[in-house]
Amino acid sequence: MLSPQKIVNTIKSITGREIFRLHPEVKRFLWGGKFWTSGYYINTIGQYANEEVIKKYVQGQGKGQEYQKIHKSQLKLF
């Protein structure tokens, strides 16, 4: 029985460590050397959320934030 916050933090921690272990060069291309931002979004599909609500949330990530601008060296990641 884990809270959604604990599950998200665990997944982000494990995946971030594994990415850096398998591809240490990635770290130097990221803002502050961090793979994940501090936030997350959790919702269920039902009365207050649906696929469209979640899709809009994901598409809106980074808008109006300082990390919206991609540094030239970060383009190598894509």
PDB file of N, CA and C in Angstrom:
ATOM      1  N   MET A   1       0.844  -1.176   0.000  1.00  0.00           N
ATOM      2  CA  MET A   1       0.000   0.000   0.000  1.00  0.00           C
ATOM      3  C   MET A   1       0.891   1.241   0.000  1.00  0.00           C
ATOM      4  N   LEU A   2       1.100   1.799  -1.166  1.00  0.00           N
ATOM      5  CA  LEU A   2       1.926   3.000  -1.293  1.00  0.00           C
ATOM      6  C   LEU A   2       1.082   4.154  -1.819  1.00  0.00           C
ATOM      7  N   SER A   3       1.432   5.344  -1.406  1.00  0.00           N
ATOM      8  CA  SER A   3       0.742   6.534  -1.915  1.00  0.00           C
ATOM      9  C   SER A   3       1.178   6.784  -3.356  1.00  0.00           C
ATOM     10  N   PRO A   4       0.331   7.454  -4.138  1.00  0.00           N
ATOM     11  CA  PRO A   4       0.738   7.806  -5.507  1.00  0.00           C
ATOM     12  C   PRO A   4       2.045   8.588  -5.536  1.00  0.00           C
ATOM     13  N   GLN A   5       2.241   9.492  -4.575  1.00  0.00           N
ATOM     14  CA  GLN A   5       3.477  10.272  -4.521  1.00  0.00           C
ATOM     15  C   GLN A   5       4.696   9.368  -4.348  1.00  0.00           C
ATOM     16  N   LYS A   6       4.606   8.385  -3.471  1.00  0.00           N
ATOM     17  CA  LYS A   6       5.714   7.462  -3.232  1.00  0.00           C
ATOM     18  C   LYS A   6       6.015   6.639  -4.488  1.00  0.00           C
ATOM     19  N   ILE A   7       4.975   6.208  -5.184  1.00  0.00           N
ATOM     20  CA  ILE A   7       5.151   5.421  -6.414  1.00  0.00           C
ATOM     21  C   ILE A   7       5.859   6.260  -7.473  1.00  0.00           C
ATOM     22  N   VAL A   8       5.382   7.490  -7.678  1.00  0.00           N
ATOM     23  CA  VAL A   8       5.997   8.368  -8.686  1.00  0.00           C
ATOM     24  C   VAL A   8       7.450   8.652  -8.342  1.00  0.00           C
ATOM     25  N   ASN A   9       7.723   8.995  -7.086  1.00  0.00           N
ATOM     26  CA  ASN A   9       9.100   9.292  -6.685  1.00  0.00           C
ATOM     27  C   ASN A   9      10.012   8.082  -6.851  1.00  0.00           C
ATOM     28  N   THR A  10       9.512   6.905  -6.570  1.00  0.00           N
ATOM     29  CA  THR A  10      10.305   5.689  -6.735  1.00  0.00           C
ATOM     30  C   THR A  10      10.615   5.438  -8.209  1.00  0.00           C
ATOM     31  N   ILE A  11       9.603   5.549  -9.050  1.00  0.00           N
ATOM     32  CA  ILE A  11       9.796   5.334 -10.499  1.00  0.00           C
ATOM     33  C   ILE A  11      10.784   6.353 -11.065  1.00  0.00           C
ATOM     34  N   LYS A  12      10.619   7.623 -10.697  1.00  0.00           N
ATOM     35  CA  LYS A  12      11.516   8.657 -11.203  1.00  0.00           C
ATOM     36  C   LYS A  12      12.943   8.439 -10.718  1.00  0.00           C
ATOM     37  N   SER A  13      13.095   8.026  -9.487  1.00  0.00           N
ATOM     38  CA  SER A  13      14.428   7.785  -8.930  1.00  0.00           C
ATOM     39  C   SER A  13      15.122   6.629  -9.644  1.00  0.00           C
ATOM     40  N   ILE A  14      14.418   5.533  -9.792  1.00  0.00           N
ATOM     41  CA  ILE A  14      15.010   4.346 -10.425  1.00  0.00           C
ATOM     42  C   ILE A  14      15.333   4.611 -11.891  1.00  0.00           C
ATOM     43  N   THR A  15      14.394   5.201 -12.633  1.00  0.00           N
ATOM     44  CA  THR A  15      14.646   5.429 -14.060  1.00  0.00           C
ATOM     45  C   THR A  15      15.762   6.449 -14.273  1.00  0.00           C
ATOM     46  N   GLY A  16      15.796   7.497 -13.451  1.00  0.00           N
ATOM     47  CA  GLY A  16      16.872   8.487 -13.573  1.00  0.00           C
ATOM     48  C   GLY A  16      18.233   7.877 -13.324  1.00  0.00           C
ATOM     49  N   ARG A  17      18.358   7.092 -12.269  1.00  0.00           N
ATOM     50  CA  ARG A  17      19.646   6.430 -11.962  1.00  0.00           C
ATOM     51  C   ARG A  17      20.061   5.485 -13.084  1.00  0.00           C
ATOM     52  N   GLU A  18      19.102   4.737 -13.620  1.00  0.00           N
ATOM     53  CA  GLU A  18      19.430   3.783 -14.685  1.00  0.00           C
ATOM     54  C   GLU A  18      19.856   4.490 -15.970  1.00  0.00           C
ATOM     55  N   ILE A  19      19.166   5.557 -16.317  1.00  0.00           N
ATOM     56  CA  ILE A  19      19.566   6.315 -17.514  1.00  0.00           C
ATOM     57  C   ILE A  19      20.991   6.814 -17.353  1.00  0.00           C
ATOM     58  N   PHE A  20      21.316   7.401 -16.196  1.00  0.00           N
ATOM     59  CA  PHE A  20      22.664   7.925 -15.971  1.00  0.00           C
ATOM     60  C   PHE A  20      23.698   6.813 -15.866  1.00  0.00           C
ATOM     61  N   ARG A  21      23.314   5.656 -15.363  1.00  0.00           N
ATOM     62  CA  ARG A  21      24.253   4.526 -15.280  1.00  0.00           C
ATOM     63  C   ARG A  21      24.565   4.000 -16.673  1.00  0.00           C
ATOM     64  N   LEU A  22      23.527   3.853 -17.500  1.00  0.00           N
ATOM     65  CA  LEU A  22      23.714   3.302 -18.842  1.00  0.00           C
ATOM     66  C   LEU A  22      24.252   4.325 -19.839  1.00  0.00           C
ATOM     67  N   HIS A  23      23.921   5.581 -19.620  1.00  0.00           N
ATOM     68  CA  HIS A  23      24.326   6.646 -20.543  1.00  0.00           C
ATOM     69  C   HIS A  23      24.785   7.870 -19.759  1.00  0.00           C
ATOM     70  N   PRO A  24      25.949   7.819 -19.115  1.00  0.00           N
ATOM     71  CA  PRO A  24      26.411   8.938 -18.278  1.00  0.00           C
ATOM     72  C   PRO A  24      26.571  10.244 -19.049  1.00  0.00           C
ATOM     73  N   GLU A  25      26.763  10.154 -20.358  1.00  0.00           N
ATOM     74  CA  GLU A  25      26.935  11.366 -21.164  1.00  0.00           C
ATOM     75  C   GLU A  25      25.673  12.227 -21.196  1.00  0.00           C
ATOM     76  N   VAL A  26      24.532  11.648 -20.931  1.00  0.00           N
ATOM     77  CA  VAL A  26      23.269  12.386 -20.954  1.00  0.00           C
ATOM     78  C   VAL A  26      23.258  13.479 -19.893  1.00  0.00           C
ATOM     79  N   LYS A  27      23.848  13.228 -18.768  1.00  0.00           N
ATOM     80  CA  LYS A  27      23.792  14.151 -17.631  1.00  0.00           C
ATOM     81  C   LYS A  27      24.311  15.546 -17.978  1.00  0.00           C
ATOM     82  N   ARG A  28      25.318  15.631 -18.806  1.00  0.00           N
ATOM     83  CA  ARG A  28      25.896  16.944 -19.110  1.00  0.00           C
ATOM     84  C   ARG A  28      25.026  17.761 -20.066  1.00  0.00           C
ATOM     85  N   PHE A  29      24.026  17.123 -20.689  1.00  0.00           N
ATOM     86  CA  PHE A  29      23.142  17.844 -21.600  1.00  0.00           C
ATOM     87  C   PHE A  29      21.872  18.365 -20.912  1.00  0.00           C
ATOM     88  N   LEU A  30      21.677  18.010 -19.656  1.00  0.00           N
ATOM     89  CA  LEU A  30      20.448  18.359 -18.957  1.00  0.00           C
ATOM     90  C   LEU A  30      20.651  19.552 -18.037  1.00  0.00           C
ATOM     91  N   TRP A  31      19.589  20.321 -17.839  1.00  0.00           N
ATOM     92  CA  TRP A  31      19.605  21.464 -16.942  1.00  0.00           C
ATOM     93  C   TRP A  31      19.892  20.982 -15.534  1.00  0.00           C
ATOM     94  N   GLY A  32      20.962  21.424 -14.950  1.00  0.00           N
ATOM     95  CA  GLY A  32      21.300  21.053 -13.586  1.00  0.00           C
ATOM     96  C   GLY A  32      21.631  19.584 -13.409  1.00  0.00           C
ATOM     97  N   GLY A  33      21.783  18.841 -14.492  1.00  0.00           N
ATOM     98  CA  GLY A  33      22.121  17.429 -14.405  1.00  0.00           C
ATOM     99  C   GLY A  33      21.002  16.543 -13.895  1.00  0.00           C
ATOM    100  N   LYS A  34      19.782  17.041 -13.879  1.00  0.00           N
ATOM    101  CA  LYS A  34      18.648  16.259 -13.389  1.00  0.00           C
ATOM    102  C   LYS A  34      17.830  15.724 -14.554  1.00  0.00           C
ATOM    103  N   PHE A  35      17.451  14.451 -14.477  1.00  0.00           N
ATOM    104  CA  PHE A  35      16.676  13.824 -15.544  1.00  0.00           C
ATOM    105  C   PHE A  35      15.205  14.215 -15.458  1.00  0.00           C
ATOM    106  N   TRP A  36      14.669  14.309 -14.259  1.00  0.00           N
ATOM    107  CA  TRP A  36      13.252  14.617 -14.055  1.00  0.00           C
ATOM    108  C   TRP A  36      13.084  15.984 -13.397  1.00  0.00           C
ATOM    109  N   THR A  37      11.952  16.646 -13.667  1.00  0.00           N
ATOM    110  CA  THR A  37      11.589  17.840 -12.923  1.00  0.00           C
ATOM    111  C   THR A  37      10.952  17.397 -11.613  1.00  0.00           C
ATOM    112  N   SER A  38      10.663  18.337 -10.733  1.00  0.00           N
ATOM    113  CA  SER A  38      10.148  17.979  -9.418  1.00  0.00           C
ATOM    114  C   SER A  38       8.653  17.643  -9.420  1.00  0.00           C
ATOM    115  N   GLY A  39       7.922  17.996 -10.441  1.00  0.00           N
ATOM    116  CA  GLY A  39       6.479  17.793 -10.444  1.00  0.00           C
ATOM    117  C   GLY A  39       6.027  16.491 -11.086  1.00  0.00           C
ATOM    118  N   TYR A  40       4.757  16.230 -10.917  1.00  0.00           N
ATOM    119  CA  TYR A  40       4.120  15.093 -11.581  1.00  0.00           C
ATOM    120  C   TYR A  40       2.621  15.326 -11.587  1.00  0.00           C
ATOM    121  N   TYR A  41       1.914  14.558 -12.384  1.00  0.00           N
ATOM    122  CA  TYR A  41       0.465  14.676 -12.499  1.00  0.00           C
ATOM    123  C   TYR A  41      -0.142  13.296 -12.345  1.00  0.00           C
ATOM    124  N   ILE A  42      -1.121  13.213 -11.456  1.00  0.00           N
ATOM    125  CA  ILE A  42      -1.827  11.948 -11.260  1.00  0.00           C
ATOM    126  C   ILE A  42      -3.318  12.243 -11.287  1.00  0.00           C
ATOM    127  N   ASN A  43      -4.046  11.447 -12.022  1.00  0.00           N
ATOM    128  CA  ASN A  43      -5.492  11.569 -12.059  1.00  0.00           C
ATOM    129  C   ASN A  43      -6.061  10.249 -12.525  1.00  0.00           C
ATOM    130  N   THR A  44      -7.331  10.094 -12.336  1.00  0.00           N
ATOM    131  CA  THR A  44      -8.013   8.911 -12.835  1.00  0.00           C
ATOM    132  C   THR A  44      -8.939   9.333 -13.963  1.00  0.00           C
ATOM    133  N   ILE A  45      -9.259   8.412 -14.810  1.00  0.00           N
ATOM    134  CA  ILE A  45     -10.223   8.676 -15.866  1.00  0.00           C
ATOM    135  C   ILE A  45     -11.600   8.458 -15.247  1.00  0.00           C
ATOM    136  N   GLY A  46     -12.422   9.456 -15.323  1.00  0.00           N
ATOM    137  CA  GLY A  46     -13.732   9.329 -14.714  1.00  0.00           C
ATOM    138  C   GLY A  46     -14.495  10.627 -14.791  1.00  0.00           C
ATOM    139  N   GLN A  47     -15.175  10.964 -13.718  1.00  0.00           N
ATOM    140  CA  GLN A  47     -16.060  12.114 -13.682  1.00  0.00           C
ATOM    141  C   GLN A  47     -15.330  13.434 -13.957  1.00  0.00           C
ATOM    142  N   TYR A  48     -14.125  13.608 -13.411  1.00  0.00           N
ATOM    143  CA  TYR A  48     -13.436  14.895 -13.501  1.00  0.00           C
ATOM    144  C   TYR A  48     -12.279  14.919 -14.492  1.00  0.00           C
ATOM    145  N   ALA A  49     -11.934  13.827 -15.033  1.00  0.00           N
ATOM    146  CA  ALA A  49     -10.827  13.789 -15.994  1.00  0.00           C
ATOM    147  C   ALA A  49     -11.131  12.744 -17.058  1.00  0.00           C
ATOM    148  N   ASN A  50     -10.615  13.006 -18.212  1.00  0.00           N
ATOM    149  CA  ASN A  50     -10.727  12.049 -19.307  1.00  0.00           C
ATOM    150  C   ASN A  50      -9.441  12.119 -20.119  1.00  0.00           C
ATOM    151  N   GLU A  51      -9.399  11.363 -21.155  1.00  0.00           N
ATOM    152  CA  GLU A  51      -8.183  11.309 -21.966  1.00  0.00           C
ATOM    153  C   GLU A  51      -7.801  12.694 -22.492  1.00  0.00           C
ATOM    154  N   GLU A  52      -8.778  13.493 -22.875  1.00  0.00           N
ATOM    155  CA  GLU A  52      -8.503  14.822 -23.425  1.00  0.00           C
ATOM    156  C   GLU A  52      -7.880  15.755 -22.371  1.00  0.00           C
ATOM    157  N   VAL A  53      -8.364  15.706 -21.139  1.00  0.00           N
ATOM    158  CA  VAL A  53      -7.820  16.524 -20.057  1.00  0.00           C
ATOM    159  C   VAL A  53      -6.355  16.175 -19.817  1.00  0.00           C
ATOM    160  N   ILE A  54      -6.070  14.891 -19.748  1.00  0.00           N
ATOM    161  CA  ILE A  54      -4.688  14.447 -19.518  1.00  0.00           C
ATOM    162  C   ILE A  54      -3.804  14.806 -20.706  1.00  0.00           C
ATOM    163  N   LYS A  55      -4.316  14.636 -21.917  1.00  0.00           N
ATOM    164  CA  LYS A  55      -3.564  14.975 -23.125  1.00  0.00           C
ATOM    165  C   LYS A  55      -3.190  16.464 -23.128  1.00  0.00           C
ATOM    166  N   LYS A  56      -4.143  17.344 -22.775  1.00  0.00           N
ATOM    167  CA  LYS A  56      -3.865  18.777 -22.728  1.00  0.00           C
ATOM    168  C   LYS A  56      -2.821  19.097 -21.664  1.00  0.00           C
ATOM    169  N   TYR A  57      -2.894  18.416 -20.539  1.00  0.00           N
ATOM    170  CA  TYR A  57      -1.902  18.640 -19.482  1.00  0.00           C
ATOM    171  C   TYR A  57      -0.501  18.298 -19.986  1.00  0.00           C
ATOM    172  N   VAL A  58      -0.360  17.142 -20.603  1.00  0.00           N
ATOM    173  CA  VAL A  58       0.948  16.703 -21.092  1.00  0.00           C
ATOM    174  C   VAL A  58       1.459  17.646 -22.175  1.00  0.00           C
ATOM    175  N   GLN A  59       0.590  18.052 -23.093  1.00  0.00           N
ATOM    176  CA  GLN A  59       1.006  18.961 -24.168  1.00  0.00           C
ATOM    177  C   GLN A  59       1.395  20.332 -23.634  1.00  0.00           C
ATOM    178  N   GLY A  60       0.835  20.744 -22.504  1.00  0.00           N
ATOM    179  CA  GLY A  60       1.133  22.048 -21.925  1.00  0.00           C
ATOM    180  C   GLY A  60       2.386  22.081 -21.072  1.00  0.00           C
ATOM    181  N   GLN A  61       3.031  20.946 -20.888  1.00  0.00           N
ATOM    182  CA  GLN A  61       4.230  20.907 -20.060  1.00  0.00           C
ATOM    183  C   GLN A  61       5.332  21.764 -20.664  1.00  0.00           C
ATOM    184  N   GLY A  62       5.929  22.599 -19.843  1.00  0.00           N
ATOM    185  CA  GLY A  62       7.052  23.432 -20.284  1.00  0.00           C
ATOM    186  C   GLY A  62       6.645  24.781 -20.824  1.00  0.00           C
ATOM    187  N   LYS A  63       5.374  24.999 -21.095  1.00  0.00           N
ATOM    188  CA  LYS A  63       4.941  26.288 -21.627  1.00  0.00           C
ATOM    189  C   LYS A  63       5.005  27.328 -20.517  1.00  0.00           C
ATOM    190  N   GLY A  64       5.676  28.429 -20.804  1.00  0.00           N
ATOM    191  CA  GLY A  64       5.808  29.500 -19.827  1.00  0.00           C
ATOM    192  C   GLY A  64       6.874  29.233 -18.778  1.00  0.00           C
ATOM    193  N   GLN A  65       7.650  28.202 -18.943  1.00  0.00           N
ATOM    194  CA  GLN A  65       8.707  27.862 -17.992  1.00  0.00           C
ATOM    195  C   GLN A  65      10.062  28.187 -18.608  1.00  0.00           C
ATOM    196  N   GLU A  66      11.053  28.365 -17.738  1.00  0.00           N
ATOM    197  CA  GLU A  66      12.389  28.679 -18.257  1.00  0.00           C
ATOM    198  C   GLU A  66      12.985  27.534 -19.049  1.00  0.00           C
ATOM    199  N   TYR A  67      12.525  26.301 -18.822  1.00  0.00           N
ATOM    200  CA  TYR A  67      13.098  25.180 -19.551  1.00  0.00           C
ATOM    201  C   TYR A  67      12.437  24.961 -20.896  1.00  0.00           C
ATOM    202  N   GLN A  68      11.574  25.870 -21.314  1.00  0.00           N
ATOM    203  CA  GLN A  68      10.936  25.749 -22.617  1.00  0.00           C
ATOM    204  C   GLN A  68      11.967  25.919 -23.735  1.00  0.00           C
ATOM    205  N   LYS A  69      12.957  26.763 -23.493  1.00  0.00           N
ATOM    206  CA  LYS A  69      13.976  27.004 -24.511  1.00  0.00           C
ATOM    207  C   LYS A  69      15.003  25.876 -24.459  1.00  0.00           C
ATOM    208  N   ILE A  70      15.206  25.259 -25.583  1.00  0.00           N
ATOM    209  CA  ILE A  70      16.167  24.156 -25.658  1.00  0.00           C
ATOM    210  C   ILE A  70      17.530  24.706 -26.068  1.00  0.00           C
ATOM    211  N   HIS A  71      18.501  24.386 -25.280  1.00  0.00           N
ATOM    212  CA  HIS A  71      19.877  24.788 -25.574  1.00  0.00           C
ATOM    213  C   HIS A  71      20.388  23.951 -26.742  1.00  0.00           C
ATOM    214  N   LYS A  72      21.221  24.514 -27.576  1.00  0.00           N
ATOM    215  CA  LYS A  72      21.723  23.798 -28.752  1.00  0.00           C
ATOM    216  C   LYS A  72      22.345  22.461 -28.417  1.00  0.00           C
ATOM    217  N   SER A  73      23.066  22.369 -27.315  1.00  0.00           N
ATOM    218  CA  SER A  73      23.705  21.103 -26.968  1.00  0.00           C
ATOM    219  C   SER A  73      22.676  20.051 -26.576  1.00  0.00           C
ATOM    220  N   GLN A  74      21.501  20.485 -26.135  1.00  0.00           N
ATOM    221  CA  GLN A  74      20.467  19.527 -25.748  1.00  0.00           C
ATOM    222  C   GLN A  74      19.788  18.915 -26.963  1.00  0.00           C
ATOM    223  N   LEU A  75      19.877  19.541 -28.101  1.00  0.00           N
ATOM    224  CA  LEU A  75      19.285  18.987 -29.313  1.00  0.00           C
ATOM    225  C   LEU A  75      19.939  17.668 -29.694  1.00  0.00           C
ATOM    226  N   LYS A  76      21.170  17.429 -29.228  1.00  0.00           N
ATOM    227  CA  LYS A  76      21.844  16.170 -29.505  1.00  0.00           C
ATOM    228  C   LYS A  76      21.116  14.995 -28.887  1.00  0.00           C
ATOM    229  N   LEU A  77      20.297  15.251 -27.868  1.00  0.00           N
ATOM    230  CA  LEU A  77      19.551  14.167 -27.236  1.00  0.00           C
ATOM    231  C   LEU A  77      18.451  13.636 -28.129  1.00  0.00           C
ATOM    232  N   PHE A  78      17.984  14.460 -29.070  1.00  0.00           N
ATOM    233  CA  PHE A  78      16.848  14.063 -29.887  1.00  0.00           C
ATOM    234  C   PHE A  78      17.325  13.555 -31.201  1.00  0.00           C
TER     235      PHE A  78
END
